């Protein structure tokens, strides 16, 4: 009986894209704002004791924002997948001399 030729299994061909860390968005001036879809939160490896928030902006790009005491408190109420707007609303003096940035966080309702 002749041996049947083993049929070679077809492996699907995948295209790969390198994942980048994403752009780090910085709030520099009062009034600066950012809008995007909240993707995740984690601990920053570069800045100890700080959280880092990851978003997807309107172009589909990954954007990261460093947390702060104020931002962490506000973001703790946001669920993954929600569309948010973060506004750098004011600065408040501190006893350490560095001003604390104050934020307003808005959640899309529709």
Protein backbone atom coordinates (compact mmCIF):
# COMPACT_ATOMS: atom_id res chain seq x y z
CA UNK A 1 0.00 0.00 0.00
CA UNK A 2 1.57 3.30 -1.00
CA UNK A 3 2.13 5.77 1.76
CA UNK A 4 0.10 8.89 1.39
CA UNK A 5 2.11 12.07 1.36
CA UNK A 6 1.68 13.93 4.59
CA UNK A 7 -0.30 17.02 3.97
CA UNK A 8 1.58 20.04 5.20
CA UNK A 9 -0.48 22.04 7.67
CA UNK A 10 -1.03 25.56 6.51
CA UNK A 11 0.00 28.06 9.13
CA UNK A 12 -1.77 31.41 8.97
CA UNK A 13 0.48 34.28 8.09
CA UNK A 14 0.47 37.09 10.65
CA UNK A 15 1.75 40.59 10.32
CA UNK A 16 3.25 42.06 13.45
CA UNK A 17 3.51 45.59 14.69
CA UNK A 18 5.85 46.62 17.49
CA UNK A 19 3.96 47.98 20.49
CA UNK A 20 5.21 51.32 21.69
CA UNK A 21 4.85 52.68 25.21
CA UNK A 22 2.76 55.57 23.99
CA UNK A 23 3.26 59.28 24.17
CA UNK A 24 3.57 60.83 27.61
CA UNK A 25 1.11 63.72 27.82
CA UNK A 26 2.12 66.55 30.14
CA UNK A 27 -0.20 69.22 31.49
CA UNK A 28 1.99 72.32 31.36
CA UNK A 29 -0.39 75.29 31.49
CA UNK A 30 -3.69 75.87 33.25
CA UNK A 31 -6.39 75.10 30.69
CA UNK A 32 -4.50 72.23 29.01
CA UNK A 33 -6.81 69.29 28.44
CA UNK A 34 -6.81 65.74 27.14
CA UNK A 35 -9.67 63.57 25.86
CA UNK A 36 -9.53 59.84 25.32
CA UNK A 37 -10.74 56.34 26.13
CA UNK A 38 -9.40 55.04 29.46
CA UNK A 39 -7.52 51.78 28.85
CA UNK A 40 -5.56 50.92 31.98
CA UNK A 41 -3.76 52.07 35.10
CA UNK A 42 -0.55 50.73 36.57
CA UNK A 43 2.50 51.64 38.57
CA UNK A 44 5.13 53.72 36.80
CA UNK A 45 8.49 52.01 36.50
CA UNK A 46 10.26 55.27 35.76
CA UNK A 47 8.65 57.37 38.50
CA UNK A 48 8.44 55.40 41.77
CA UNK A 49 5.24 55.68 43.81
CA UNK A 50 3.35 57.19 40.88
CA UNK A 51 0.53 55.70 38.87
CA UNK A 52 0.47 55.89 35.12
CA UNK A 53 -2.79 56.02 33.18
CA UNK A 54 -3.07 54.81 29.61
CA UNK A 55 -5.60 56.15 27.15
CA UNK A 56 -6.42 55.91 23.48
CA UNK A 57 -6.78 59.32 21.85
CA UNK A 58 -9.12 60.22 18.97
CA UNK A 59 -6.51 59.10 16.41
CA UNK A 60 -6.15 55.66 18.00
CA UNK A 61 -2.73 56.41 19.48
CA UNK A 62 -1.76 55.27 22.97
CA UNK A 63 -1.22 58.16 25.38
CA UNK A 64 0.07 57.92 28.94
CA UNK A 65 -0.54 60.41 31.76
CA UNK A 66 1.34 60.41 35.05
CA UNK A 67 -0.85 60.42 38.11
CA UNK A 68 -0.80 62.76 41.08
CA UNK A 69 -2.63 62.77 44.41
CA UNK A 70 -5.45 64.82 42.88
CA UNK A 71 -5.65 62.92 39.59
CA UNK A 72 -5.43 59.51 41.32
CA UNK A 73 -8.39 60.38 43.55
CA UNK A 74 -10.51 61.50 40.60
CA UNK A 75 -9.50 58.63 38.30
CA UNK A 76 -10.34 56.03 40.97
CA UNK A 77 -14.00 56.56 40.02
CA UNK A 78 -13.45 56.00 36.28
CA UNK A 79 -14.04 52.58 34.73
CA UNK A 80 -11.89 51.01 32.04
CA UNK A 81 -13.38 51.80 28.64
CA UNK A 82 -14.98 55.10 29.61
CA UNK A 83 -14.40 58.20 27.50
CA UNK A 84 -12.95 60.95 29.67
CA UNK A 85 -11.77 64.52 29.48
CA UNK A 86 -9.10 65.74 31.91
CA UNK A 87 -8.59 69.50 32.35
CA UNK A 88 -5.71 71.13 34.23
CA UNK A 89 -7.89 73.62 36.08
CA UNK A 90 -5.60 75.42 38.57
CA UNK A 91 -2.50 75.33 40.73
CA UNK A 92 -2.40 75.48 44.50
CA UNK A 93 0.62 76.44 46.59
CA UNK A 94 2.09 73.84 48.95
CA UNK A 95 4.32 74.01 52.00
CA UNK A 96 7.05 72.24 50.00
CA UNK A 97 7.17 75.10 47.50
CA UNK A 98 6.11 73.11 44.44
CA UNK A 99 2.62 74.02 43.27
CA UNK A 100 0.08 71.21 43.18
CA UNK A 101 -1.81 70.81 39.91
CA UNK A 102 -5.59 70.64 40.25
CA UNK A 103 -7.69 68.78 37.69
CA UNK A 104 -11.29 68.39 36.64
CA UNK A 105 -12.24 65.01 35.18
CA UNK A 106 -15.34 64.62 33.02
CA UNK A 107 -16.99 61.39 31.85
CA UNK A 108 -18.84 61.12 28.55
CA UNK A 109 -22.52 60.49 29.08
CA UNK A 110 -23.46 59.49 25.53
